[in-house]
PDB file of N, CA and C in Angstrom:
ATOM      1  N   MET A   1     114.185  98.646  97.741  1.00  0.00           N
ATOM      2  CA  MET A   1     113.024  99.358  98.261  1.00  0.00           C
ATOM      3  C   MET A   1     113.425 100.813  98.478  1.00  0.00           C
ATOM      4  N   GLU A   2     112.542 101.720  98.098  1.00  0.00           N
ATOM      5  CA  GLU A   2     112.847 103.133  98.295  1.00  0.00           C
ATOM      6  C   GLU A   2     112.437 103.588  99.695  1.00  0.00           C
ATOM      7  N   HIS A   3     113.018 104.684 100.133  1.00  0.00           N
ATOM      8  CA  HIS A   3     112.702 105.219 101.446  1.00  0.00           C
ATOM      9  C   HIS A   3     112.207 106.659 101.307  1.00  0.00           C
ATOM     10  N   CYS A   4     111.639 107.144 102.378  1.00  0.00           N
ATOM     11  CA  CYS A   4     111.065 108.492 102.415  1.00  0.00           C
ATOM     12  C   CYS A   4     112.137 109.534 102.097  1.00  0.00           C
ATOM     13  N   LYS A   5     111.752 110.493 101.262  1.00  0.00           N
ATOM     14  CA  LYS A   5     112.660 111.594 100.905  1.00  0.00           C
ATOM     15  C   LYS A   5     112.015 112.929 101.247  1.00  0.00           C
ATOM     16  N   ASN A   6     111.507 113.014 102.469  1.00  0.00           N
ATOM     17  CA  ASN A   6     110.896 114.242 102.954  1.00  0.00           C
ATOM     18  C   ASN A   6     111.945 115.364 102.913  1.00  0.00           C
ATOM     19  N   PRO A   7     111.721 116.412 102.121  1.00  0.00           N
ATOM     20  CA  PRO A   7     112.723 117.474 102.000  1.00  0.00           C
ATOM     21  C   PRO A   7     112.881 118.315 103.269  1.00  0.00           C
ATOM     22  N   TRP A   8     111.932 118.207 104.191  1.00  0.00           N
ATOM     23  CA  TRP A   8     112.016 118.967 105.432  1.00  0.00           C
ATOM     24  C   TRP A   8     112.503 118.114 106.598  1.00  0.00           C
ATOM     25  N   LYS A   9     112.732 116.832 106.364  1.00  0.00           N
ATOM     26  CA  LYS A   9     113.262 115.931 107.392  1.00  0.00           C
ATOM     27  C   LYS A   9     114.152 114.910 106.679  1.00  0.00           C
ATOM     28  N   GLU A  10     115.351 115.302 106.388  1.00  0.00           N
ATOM     29  CA  GLU A  10     116.244 114.504 105.559  1.00  0.00           C
ATOM     30  C   GLU A  10     116.732 113.215 106.221  1.00  0.00           C
ATOM     31  N   THR A  11     116.464 113.042 107.499  1.00  0.00           N
ATOM     32  CA  THR A  11     116.950 111.851 108.191  1.00  0.00           C
ATOM     33  C   THR A  11     115.935 110.721 108.221  1.00  0.00           C
ATOM     34  N   CYS A  12     114.787 110.882 107.599  1.00  0.00           N
ATOM     35  CA  CYS A  12     113.771 109.835 107.627  1.00  0.00           C
ATOM     36  C   CYS A  12     114.149 108.718 106.661  1.00  0.00           C
ATOM     37  N   ASN A  13     114.176 107.487 107.153  1.00  0.00           N
ATOM     38  CA  ASN A  13     114.509 106.327 106.330  1.00  0.00           C
ATOM     39  C   ASN A  13     113.357 105.326 106.242  1.00  0.00           C
ATOM     40  N   SER A  14     112.156 105.768 106.562  1.00  0.00           N
ATOM     41  CA  SER A  14     110.998 104.878 106.529  1.00  0.00           C
ATOM     42  C   SER A  14     110.740 104.389 105.109  1.00  0.00           C
ATOM     43  N   GLU A  15     110.365 103.133 104.992  1.00  0.00           N
ATOM     44  CA  GLU A  15     110.018 102.545 103.698  1.00  0.00           C
ATOM     45  C   GLU A  15     108.501 102.410 103.544  1.00  0.00           C
ATOM     46  N   ASN A  16     107.744 102.966 104.475  1.00  0.00           N
ATOM     47  CA  ASN A  16     106.286 102.899 104.466  1.00  0.00           C
ATOM     48  C   ASN A  16     105.735 104.053 103.604  1.00  0.00           C
ATOM     49  N   ILE A  17     105.992 104.004 102.289  1.00  0.00           N
ATOM     50  CA  ILE A  17     105.633 105.087 101.380  1.00  0.00           C
ATOM     51  C   ILE A  17     104.119 105.101 101.142  1.00  0.00           C
ATOM     52  N   LYS A  18     103.527 106.267 101.333  1.00  0.00           N
ATOM     53  CA  LYS A  18     102.080 106.423 101.148  1.00  0.00           C
ATOM     54  C   LYS A  18     101.742 107.256  99.930  1.00  0.00           C
ATOM     55  N   LEU A  19     102.609 108.177  99.523  1.00  0.00           N
ATOM     56  CA  LEU A  19     102.327 109.014  98.373  1.00  0.00           C
ATOM     57  C   LEU A  19     103.607 109.666  97.885  1.00  0.00           C
ATOM     58  N   TYR A  20     103.486 110.364  96.776  1.00  0.00           N
ATOM     59  CA  TYR A  20     104.601 111.106  96.207  1.00  0.00           C
ATOM     60  C   TYR A  20     104.188 112.558  96.092  1.00  0.00           C
ATOM     61  N   ILE A  21     105.124 113.464  96.367  1.00  0.00           N
ATOM     62  CA  ILE A  21     104.885 114.884  96.130  1.00  0.00           C
ATOM     63  C   ILE A  21     105.883 115.333  95.073  1.00  0.00           C
ATOM     64  N   GLN A  22     105.485 116.325  94.304  1.00  0.00           N
ATOM     65  CA  GLN A  22     106.371 116.822  93.254  1.00  0.00           C
ATOM     66  C   GLN A  22     106.891 118.191  93.657  1.00  0.00           C
ATOM     67  N   ILE A  23     108.202 118.296  93.713  1.00  0.00           N
ATOM     68  CA  ILE A  23     108.850 119.560  94.047  1.00  0.00           C
ATOM     69  C   ILE A  23     109.897 119.829  92.977  1.00  0.00           C
ATOM     70  N   LYS A  24     109.774 120.975  92.326  1.00  0.00           N
ATOM     71  CA  LYS A  24     110.712 121.376  91.272  1.00  0.00           C
ATOM     72  C   LYS A  24     110.888 120.283  90.223  1.00  0.00           C
ATOM     73  N   GLY A  25     109.792 119.639  89.849  1.00  0.00           N
ATOM     74  CA  GLY A  25     109.816 118.633  88.809  1.00  0.00           C
ATOM     75  C   GLY A  25     110.286 117.257  89.241  1.00  0.00           C
ATOM     76  N   GLU A  26     110.605 117.085  90.502  1.00  0.00           N
ATOM     77  CA  GLU A  26     111.066 115.792  91.009  1.00  0.00           C
ATOM     78  C   GLU A  26     109.988 115.164  91.891  1.00  0.00           C
ATOM     79  N   ASN A  27     109.678 113.886  91.655  1.00  0.00           N
ATOM     80  CA  ASN A  27     108.711 113.165  92.481  1.00  0.00           C
ATOM     81  C   ASN A  27     109.429 112.569  93.682  1.00  0.00           C
ATOM     82  N   LEU A  28     109.001 112.935  94.875  1.00  0.00           N
ATOM     83  CA  LEU A  28     109.628 112.467  96.101  1.00  0.00           C
ATOM     84  C   LEU A  28     108.685 111.533  96.853  1.00  0.00           C
ATOM     85  N   PRO A  29     109.153 110.333  97.226  1.00  0.00           N
ATOM     86  CA  PRO A  29     108.328 109.433  98.020  1.00  0.00           C
ATOM     87  C   PRO A  29     108.237 109.946  99.462  1.00  0.00           C
ATOM     88  N   ILE A  30     107.035 109.905 100.011  1.00  0.00           N
ATOM     89  CA  ILE A  30     106.796 110.390 101.376  1.00  0.00           C
ATOM     90  C   ILE A  30     106.107 109.291 102.180  1.00  0.00           C
ATOM     91  N   CYS A  31     106.629 109.027 103.379  1.00  0.00           N
ATOM     92  CA  CYS A  31     106.051 107.990 104.237  1.00  0.00           C
ATOM     93  C   CYS A  31     104.816 108.536 104.971  1.00  0.00           C
ATOM     94  N   GLN A  32     104.072 107.641 105.559  1.00  0.00           N
ATOM     95  CA  GLN A  32     102.840 108.020 106.250  1.00  0.00           C
ATOM     96  C   GLN A  32     103.114 108.976 107.407  1.00  0.00           C
ATOM     97  N   GLN A  33     104.138 108.717 108.198  1.00  0.00           N
ATOM     98  CA  GLN A  33     104.422 109.561 109.357  1.00  0.00           C
ATOM     99  C   GLN A  33     104.784 110.988 108.941  1.00  0.00           C
ATOM    100  N   CYS A  34     105.615 111.109 107.917  1.00  0.00           N
ATOM    101  CA  CYS A  34     105.999 112.440 107.448  1.00  0.00           C
ATOM    102  C   CYS A  34     104.821 113.149 106.782  1.00  0.00           C
ATOM    103  N   TRP A  35     103.982 112.403 106.033  1.00  0.00           N
ATOM    104  CA  TRP A  35     102.855 113.034 105.363  1.00  0.00           C
ATOM    105  C   TRP A  35     101.896 113.649 106.367  1.00  0.00           C
ATOM    106  N   ILE A  36     101.655 112.980 107.470  1.00  0.00           N
ATOM    107  CA  ILE A  36     100.768 113.530 108.503  1.00  0.00           C
ATOM    108  C   ILE A  36     101.300 114.877 108.973  1.00  0.00           C
ATOM    109  N   LYS A  37     102.604 114.984 109.181  1.00  0.00           N
ATOM    110  CA  LYS A  37     103.209 116.245 109.632  1.00  0.00           C
ATOM    111  C   LYS A  37     103.179 117.308 108.533  1.00  0.00           C
ATOM    112  N   ILE A  38     103.490 116.911 107.294  1.00  0.00           N
ATOM    113  CA  ILE A  38     103.490 117.856 106.179  1.00  0.00           C
ATOM    114  C   ILE A  38     102.078 118.392 105.928  1.00  0.00           C
ATOM    115  N   ALA A  39     101.086 117.513 105.955  1.00  0.00           N
ATOM    116  CA  ALA A  39      99.710 117.908 105.665  1.00  0.00           C
ATOM    117  C   ALA A  39      99.176 118.897 106.690  1.00  0.00           C
ATOM    118  N   ASP A  40      99.673 118.848 107.913  1.00  0.00           N
ATOM    119  CA  ASP A  40      99.210 119.751 108.966  1.00  0.00           C
ATOM    120  C   ASP A  40      99.894 121.108 108.909  1.00  0.00           C
ATOM    121  N   GLN A  41     100.960 121.239 108.151  1.00  0.00           N
ATOM    122  CA  GLN A  41     101.691 122.501 108.049  1.00  0.00           C
ATOM    123  C   GLN A  41     101.141 123.336 106.918  1.00  0.00           C
ATOM    124  N   GLU A  42     101.490 124.603 106.934  1.00  0.00           N
ATOM    125  CA  GLU A  42     101.107 125.489 105.836  1.00  0.00           C
ATOM    126  C   GLU A  42     102.320 125.723 104.950  1.00  0.00           C
ATOM    127  N   GLN A  43     103.043 124.665 104.674  1.00  0.00           N
ATOM    128  CA  GLN A  43     104.244 124.702 103.857  1.00  0.00           C
ATOM    129  C   GLN A  43     103.875 124.793 102.375  1.00  0.00           C
ATOM    130  N   GLU A  44     104.546 125.654 101.630  1.00  0.00           N
ATOM    131  CA  GLU A  44     104.297 125.729 100.196  1.00  0.00           C
ATOM    132  C   GLU A  44     105.350 124.933  99.475  1.00  0.00           C
ATOM    133  N   TRP A  45     104.908 124.114  98.518  1.00  0.00           N
ATOM    134  CA  TRP A  45     105.816 123.310  97.708  1.00  0.00           C
ATOM    135  C   TRP A  45     105.227 123.172  96.393  1.00  0.00           C
TER     136      TRP A  45
END
């Protein structure tokens, strides 16, 4: 099972993957908890 690979929170090991984001050509699995935080930020990726 894969785990969250949030590039801004490298310590997340959640396996509750909700979506993938693409950064520099790589698809990264993102868990629900991290996605809520990422979606609320004005982070560019």
